[in-house]
Amino acid sequence: MRVIMTTTRRGSENGMQVQLYRAGQEYDLSDALAQSLIASKSARPAPDQTGKTDQTDKKAAKGPSQNK
């Protein structure tokens, strides 16, 4: 999942290697890490090639109790 970082944070996709993700940069991350960063407001979904963000990603980032 592609995200744009809103704050600079460290994170790990594999649980072993930690990387620095810089604010303002776009990254292609695992869904689990991307959802975690979006939920913590450290990232936002990157627009697709048409310029729209995927609405399903926004719902998944909110968590199950807020998907009504």
PDB file of N, CA and C in Angstrom:
ATOM      1  N   MET A   1       0.849  -1.172   0.000  1.00  0.00           N
ATOM      2  CA  MET A   1       0.000   0.000   0.000  1.00  0.00           C
ATOM      3  C   MET A   1       0.899   1.240   0.000  1.00  0.00           C
ATOM      4  N   ARG A   2       0.556   2.192  -0.844  1.00  0.00           N
ATOM      5  CA  ARG A   2       1.356   3.414  -0.938  1.00  0.00           C
ATOM      6  C   ARG A   2       0.814   4.454   0.036  1.00  0.00           C
ATOM      7  N   VAL A   3       1.738   5.053   0.792  1.00  0.00           N
ATOM      8  CA  VAL A   3       1.371   6.095   1.749  1.00  0.00           C
ATOM      9  C   VAL A   3       2.315   7.274   1.606  1.00  0.00           C
ATOM     10  N   ILE A   4       1.853   8.425   2.066  1.00  0.00           N
ATOM     11  CA  ILE A   4       2.692   9.611   2.175  1.00  0.00           C
ATOM     12  C   ILE A   4       2.832   9.890   3.661  1.00  0.00           C
ATOM     13  N   MET A   5       4.050   9.969   4.123  1.00  0.00           N
ATOM     14  CA  MET A   5       4.302  10.208   5.541  1.00  0.00           C
ATOM     15  C   MET A   5       3.962  11.647   5.898  1.00  0.00           C
ATOM     16  N   THR A   6       3.287  11.835   7.026  1.00  0.00           N
ATOM     17  CA  THR A   6       2.971  13.180   7.510  1.00  0.00           C
ATOM     18  C   THR A   6       3.937  13.589   8.622  1.00  0.00           C
ATOM     19  N   THR A   7       4.558  12.612   9.260  1.00  0.00           N
ATOM     20  CA  THR A   7       5.602  12.858  10.259  1.00  0.00           C
ATOM     21  C   THR A   7       6.730  11.865  10.016  1.00  0.00           C
ATOM     22  N   THR A   8       7.911  12.181  10.460  1.00  0.00           N
ATOM     23  CA  THR A   8       9.039  11.263  10.331  1.00  0.00           C
ATOM     24  C   THR A   8       8.950  10.239  11.457  1.00  0.00           C
ATOM     25  N   ARG A   9       8.950   8.960  11.085  1.00  0.00           N
ATOM     26  CA  ARG A   9       8.829   7.877  12.061  1.00  0.00           C
ATOM     27  C   ARG A   9       9.716   6.716  11.655  1.00  0.00           C
ATOM     28  N   ARG A  10      10.072   5.918  12.624  1.00  0.00           N
ATOM     29  CA  ARG A  10      10.747   4.654  12.346  1.00  0.00           C
ATOM     30  C   ARG A  10       9.686   3.560  12.313  1.00  0.00           C
ATOM     31  N   GLY A  11       9.946   2.543  11.497  1.00  0.00           N
ATOM     32  CA  GLY A  11       9.012   1.425  11.413  1.00  0.00           C
ATOM     33  C   GLY A  11       9.694   0.212  10.822  1.00  0.00           C
ATOM     34  N   SER A  12       9.055  -0.933  10.969  1.00  0.00           N
ATOM     35  CA  SER A  12       9.611  -2.187  10.464  1.00  0.00           C
ATOM     36  C   SER A  12       8.519  -2.990   9.778  1.00  0.00           C
ATOM     37  N   GLU A  13       8.803  -3.401   8.563  1.00  0.00           N
ATOM     38  CA  GLU A  13       7.844  -4.235   7.836  1.00  0.00           C
ATOM     39  C   GLU A  13       7.998  -5.702   8.198  1.00  0.00           C
ATOM     40  N   ASN A  14       9.211  -6.101   8.590  1.00  0.00           N
ATOM     41  CA  ASN A  14       9.453  -7.520   8.848  1.00  0.00           C
ATOM     42  C   ASN A  14       9.707  -7.841  10.321  1.00  0.00           C
ATOM     43  N   GLY A  15       9.670  -6.844  11.189  1.00  0.00           N
ATOM     44  CA  GLY A  15       9.884  -7.073  12.611  1.00  0.00           C
ATOM     45  C   GLY A  15      11.336  -7.207  13.016  1.00  0.00           C
ATOM     46  N   MET A  16      12.247  -7.070  12.053  1.00  0.00           N
ATOM     47  CA  MET A  16      13.663  -7.230  12.356  1.00  0.00           C
ATOM     48  C   MET A  16      14.485  -6.002  11.984  1.00  0.00           C
ATOM     49  N   GLN A  17      14.227  -5.445  10.824  1.00  0.00           N
ATOM     50  CA  GLN A  17      14.983  -4.286  10.359  1.00  0.00           C
ATOM     51  C   GLN A  17      14.125  -3.032  10.485  1.00  0.00           C
ATOM     52  N   VAL A  18      14.659  -2.031  11.161  1.00  0.00           N
ATOM     53  CA  VAL A  18      13.948  -0.769  11.354  1.00  0.00           C
ATOM     54  C   VAL A  18      14.451   0.237  10.333  1.00  0.00           C
ATOM     55  N   GLN A  19      13.513   0.921   9.705  1.00  0.00           N
ATOM     56  CA  GLN A  19      13.852   1.945   8.718  1.00  0.00           C
ATOM     57  C   GLN A  19      13.261   3.279   9.149  1.00  0.00           C
ATOM     58  N   LEU A  20      13.846   4.344   8.660  1.00  0.00           N
ATOM     59  CA  LEU A  20      13.336   5.687   8.912  1.00  0.00           C
ATOM     60  C   LEU A  20      12.481   6.109   7.721  1.00  0.00           C
ATOM     61  N   TYR A  21      11.249   6.479   8.009  1.00  0.00           N
ATOM     62  CA  TYR A  21      10.327   6.957   6.982  1.00  0.00           C
ATOM     63  C   TYR A  21      10.143   8.454   7.202  1.00  0.00           C
ATOM     64  N   ARG A  22      10.540   9.247   6.227  1.00  0.00           N
ATOM     65  CA  ARG A  22      10.588  10.703   6.373  1.00  0.00           C
ATOM     66  C   ARG A  22       9.291  11.386   5.958  1.00  0.00           C
ATOM     67  N   ALA A  23       8.921  12.414   6.716  1.00  0.00           N
ATOM     68  CA  ALA A  23       7.719  13.201   6.427  1.00  0.00           C
ATOM     69  C   ALA A  23       7.798  13.773   5.014  1.00  0.00           C
ATOM     70  N   GLY A  24       6.672  13.721   4.301  1.00  0.00           N
ATOM     71  CA  GLY A  24       6.594  14.267   2.949  1.00  0.00           C
ATOM     72  C   GLY A  24       6.990  13.294   1.860  1.00  0.00           C
ATOM     73  N   GLN A  25       7.561  12.150   2.230  1.00  0.00           N
ATOM     74  CA  GLN A  25       7.989  11.169   1.242  1.00  0.00           C
ATOM     75  C   GLN A  25       6.911  10.102   1.049  1.00  0.00           C
ATOM     76  N   GLU A  26       6.863   9.529  -0.140  1.00  0.00           N
ATOM     77  CA  GLU A  26       5.905   8.467  -0.450  1.00  0.00           C
ATOM     78  C   GLU A  26       6.615   7.127  -0.394  1.00  0.00           C
ATOM     79  N   TYR A  27       5.951   6.138   0.204  1.00  0.00           N
ATOM     80  CA  TYR A  27       6.527   4.801   0.354  1.00  0.00           C
ATOM     81  C   TYR A  27       5.499   3.744  -0.010  1.00  0.00           C
ATOM     82  N   ASP A  28       5.982   2.614  -0.511  1.00  0.00           N
ATOM     83  CA  ASP A  28       5.151   1.445  -0.769  1.00  0.00           C
ATOM     84  C   ASP A  28       5.428   0.472   0.371  1.00  0.00           C
ATOM     85  N   LEU A  29       4.476   0.329   1.289  1.00  0.00           N
ATOM     86  CA  LEU A  29       4.672  -0.444   2.508  1.00  0.00           C
ATOM     87  C   LEU A  29       3.730  -1.639   2.563  1.00  0.00           C
ATOM     88  N   SER A  30       4.040  -2.565   3.452  1.00  0.00           N
ATOM     89  CA  SER A  30       3.119  -3.673   3.692  1.00  0.00           C
ATOM     90  C   SER A  30       1.811  -3.092   4.214  1.00  0.00           C
ATOM     91  N   ASP A  31       0.712  -3.782   3.973  1.00  0.00           N
ATOM     92  CA  ASP A  31      -0.582  -3.280   4.424  1.00  0.00           C
ATOM     93  C   ASP A  31      -0.604  -3.079   5.934  1.00  0.00           C
ATOM     94  N   ALA A  32       0.003  -4.002   6.683  1.00  0.00           N
ATOM     95  CA  ALA A  32      -0.014  -3.912   8.151  1.00  0.00           C
ATOM     96  C   ALA A  32       0.698  -2.651   8.633  1.00  0.00           C
ATOM     97  N   LEU A  33       1.883  -2.373   8.110  1.00  0.00           N
ATOM     98  CA  LEU A  33       2.625  -1.187   8.536  1.00  0.00           C
ATOM     99  C   LEU A  33       1.915   0.071   8.064  1.00  0.00           C
ATOM    100  N   ALA A  34       1.427   0.068   6.838  1.00  0.00           N
ATOM    101  CA  ALA A  34       0.730   1.240   6.305  1.00  0.00           C
ATOM    102  C   ALA A  34      -0.501   1.560   7.154  1.00  0.00           C
ATOM    103  N   GLN A  35      -1.294   0.558   7.487  1.00  0.00           N
ATOM    104  CA  GLN A  35      -2.501   0.775   8.290  1.00  0.00           C
ATOM    105  C   GLN A  35      -2.151   1.297   9.678  1.00  0.00           C
ATOM    106  N   SER A  36      -1.073   0.785  10.253  1.00  0.00           N
ATOM    107  CA  SER A  36      -0.631   1.247  11.571  1.00  0.00           C
ATOM    108  C   SER A  36      -0.216   2.715  11.522  1.00  0.00           C
ATOM    109  N   LEU A  37       0.543   3.093  10.501  1.00  0.00           N
ATOM    110  CA  LEU A  37       0.987   4.482  10.371  1.00  0.00           C
ATOM    111  C   LEU A  37      -0.187   5.422  10.092  1.00  0.00           C
ATOM    112  N   ILE A  38      -1.140   4.964   9.290  1.00  0.00           N
ATOM    113  CA  ILE A  38      -2.320   5.774   8.996  1.00  0.00           C
ATOM    114  C   ILE A  38      -3.163   5.942  10.266  1.00  0.00           C
ATOM    115  N   ALA A  39      -3.346   4.869  11.015  1.00  0.00           N
ATOM    116  CA  ALA A  39      -4.137   4.929  12.249  1.00  0.00           C
ATOM    117  C   ALA A  39      -3.522   5.890  13.267  1.00  0.00           C
ATOM    118  N   SER A  40      -2.191   5.971  13.274  1.00  0.00           N
ATOM    119  CA  SER A  40      -1.520   6.869  14.223  1.00  0.00           C
ATOM    120  C   SER A  40      -1.356   8.281  13.663  1.00  0.00           C
ATOM    121  N   LYS A  41      -1.935   8.514  12.478  1.00  0.00           N
ATOM    122  CA  LYS A  41      -1.868   9.823  11.810  1.00  0.00           C
ATOM    123  C   LYS A  41      -0.439  10.213  11.415  1.00  0.00           C
ATOM    124  N   SER A  42       0.440   9.220  11.290  1.00  0.00           N
ATOM    125  CA  SER A  42       1.809   9.460  10.849  1.00  0.00           C
ATOM    126  C   SER A  42       1.932   9.395   9.334  1.00  0.00           C
ATOM    127  N   ALA A  43       0.871   8.894   8.683  1.00  0.00           N
ATOM    128  CA  ALA A  43       0.867   8.781   7.219  1.00  0.00           C
ATOM    129  C   ALA A  43      -0.565   8.901   6.743  1.00  0.00           C
ATOM    130  N   ARG A  44      -0.697   9.152   5.437  1.00  0.00           N
ATOM    131  CA  ARG A  44      -2.016   9.162   4.809  1.00  0.00           C
ATOM    132  C   ARG A  44      -1.905   8.355   3.521  1.00  0.00           C
ATOM    133  N   PRO A  45      -3.019   7.769   3.065  1.00  0.00           N
ATOM    134  CA  PRO A  45      -2.965   7.003   1.819  1.00  0.00           C
ATOM    135  C   PRO A  45      -2.518   7.896   0.662  1.00  0.00           C
ATOM    136  N   ALA A  46      -1.659   7.389  -0.171  1.00  0.00           N
ATOM    137  CA  ALA A  46      -1.216   8.131  -1.350  1.00  0.00           C
ATOM    138  C   ALA A  46      -2.294   8.028  -2.420  1.00  0.00           C
ATOM    139  N   PRO A  47      -2.520   9.104  -3.162  1.00  0.00           N
ATOM    140  CA  PRO A  47      -3.491   9.027  -4.259  1.00  0.00           C
ATOM    141  C   PRO A  47      -3.008   8.049  -5.326  1.00  0.00           C
ATOM    142  N   ASP A  48      -3.962   7.397  -6.003  1.00  0.00           N
ATOM    143  CA  ASP A  48      -3.573   6.518  -7.103  1.00  0.00           C
ATOM    144  C   ASP A  48      -3.232   7.373  -8.325  1.00  0.00           C
ATOM    145  N   GLN A  49      -3.045   6.744  -9.456  1.00  0.00           N
ATOM    146  CA  GLN A  49      -2.616   7.485 -10.642  1.00  0.00           C
ATOM    147  C   GLN A  49      -3.680   8.457 -11.143  1.00  0.00           C
ATOM    148  N   THR A  50      -4.934   8.269 -10.726  1.00  0.00           N
ATOM    149  CA  THR A  50      -5.988   9.192 -11.135  1.00  0.00           C
ATOM    150  C   THR A  50      -6.110  10.355 -10.167  1.00  0.00           C
ATOM    151  N   GLY A  51      -5.349  10.302  -9.073  1.00  0.00           N
ATOM    152  CA  GLY A  51      -5.378  11.376  -8.097  1.00  0.00           C
ATOM    153  C   GLY A  51      -6.347  11.157  -6.957  1.00  0.00           C
ATOM    154  N   LYS A  52      -7.016   9.996  -6.936  1.00  0.00           N
ATOM    155  CA  LYS A  52      -7.982   9.696  -5.885  1.00  0.00           C
ATOM    156  C   LYS A  52      -7.375   8.704  -4.899  1.00  0.00           C
ATOM    157  N   THR A  53      -7.754   8.838  -3.631  1.00  0.00           N
ATOM    158  CA  THR A  53      -7.343   7.836  -2.650  1.00  0.00           C
ATOM    159  C   THR A  53      -8.388   6.748  -2.606  1.00  0.00           C
ATOM    160  N   ASP A  54      -7.980   5.556  -2.257  1.00  0.00           N
ATOM    161  CA  ASP A  54      -8.873   4.411  -2.184  1.00  0.00           C
ATOM    162  C   ASP A  54      -9.711   4.517  -0.910  1.00  0.00           C
ATOM    163  N   GLN A  55     -11.011   4.620  -1.047  1.00  0.00           N
ATOM    164  CA  GLN A  55     -11.895   4.786   0.109  1.00  0.00           C
ATOM    165  C   GLN A  55     -11.862   3.578   1.029  1.00  0.00           C
ATOM    166  N   THR A  56     -11.624   2.386   0.504  1.00  0.00           N
ATOM    167  CA  THR A  56     -11.579   1.204   1.362  1.00  0.00           C
ATOM    168  C   THR A  56     -10.388   1.273   2.303  1.00  0.00           C
ATOM    169  N   ASP A  57      -9.285   1.868   1.873  1.00  0.00           N
ATOM    170  CA  ASP A  57      -8.118   2.008   2.736  1.00  0.00           C
ATOM    171  C   ASP A  57      -8.426   2.923   3.905  1.00  0.00           C
ATOM    172  N   LYS A  58      -9.176   3.981   3.671  1.00  0.00           N
ATOM    173  CA  LYS A  58      -9.520   4.912   4.743  1.00  0.00           C
ATOM    174  C   LYS A  58     -10.394   4.223   5.782  1.00  0.00           C
ATOM    175  N   LYS A  59     -11.359   3.417   5.330  1.00  0.00           N
ATOM    176  CA  LYS A  59     -12.223   2.707   6.274  1.00  0.00           C
ATOM    177  C   LYS A  59     -11.416   1.708   7.085  1.00  0.00           C
ATOM    178  N   ALA A  60     -10.526   0.968   6.444  1.00  0.00           N
ATOM    179  CA  ALA A  60      -9.727  -0.037   7.146  1.00  0.00           C
ATOM    180  C   ALA A  60      -8.813   0.626   8.170  1.00  0.00           C
ATOM    181  N   ALA A  61      -8.325   1.822   7.882  1.00  0.00           N
ATOM    182  CA  ALA A  61      -7.415   2.505   8.791  1.00  0.00           C
ATOM    183  C   ALA A  61      -8.120   2.966  10.061  1.00  0.00           C
ATOM    184  N   LYS A  62      -9.428   3.182   9.991  1.00  0.00           N
ATOM    185  CA  LYS A  62     -10.156   3.658  11.161  1.00  0.00           C
ATOM    186  C   LYS A  62     -10.371   2.563  12.186  1.00  0.00           C
ATOM    187  N   GLY A  63     -10.394   1.335  11.770  1.00  0.00           N
ATOM    188  CA  GLY A  63     -10.648   0.231  12.677  1.00  0.00           C
ATOM    189  C   GLY A  63     -12.090  -0.225  12.564  1.00  0.00           C
ATOM    190  N   PRO A  64     -12.365  -1.421  13.028  1.00  0.00           N
ATOM    191  CA  PRO A  64     -13.688  -2.009  12.823  1.00  0.00           C
ATOM    192  C   PRO A  64     -14.812  -1.258  13.520  1.00  0.00           C
ATOM    193  N   SER A  65     -14.581  -0.627  14.660  1.00  0.00           N
ATOM    194  CA  SER A  65     -15.665   0.034  15.388  1.00  0.00           C
ATOM    195  C   SER A  65     -16.109   1.333  14.725  1.00  0.00           C
ATOM    196  N   GLN A  66     -15.313   1.866  13.822  1.00  0.00           N
ATOM    197  CA  GLN A  66     -15.655   3.131  13.181  1.00  0.00           C
ATOM    198  C   GLN A  66     -16.077   2.979  11.729  1.00  0.00           C
ATOM    199  N   ASN A  67     -16.246   1.751  11.266  1.00  0.00           N
ATOM    200  CA  ASN A  67     -16.572   1.490   9.867  1.00  0.00           C
ATOM    201  C   ASN A  67     -18.075   1.426   9.614  1.00  0.00           C
ATOM    202  N   LYS A  68     -18.872   2.117  10.352  1.00  0.00           N
ATOM    203  CA  LYS A  68     -20.337   2.047  10.178  1.00  0.00           C
ATOM    204  C   LYS A  68     -20.808   3.013   9.140  1.00  0.00           C
TER     205      LYS A  68
END
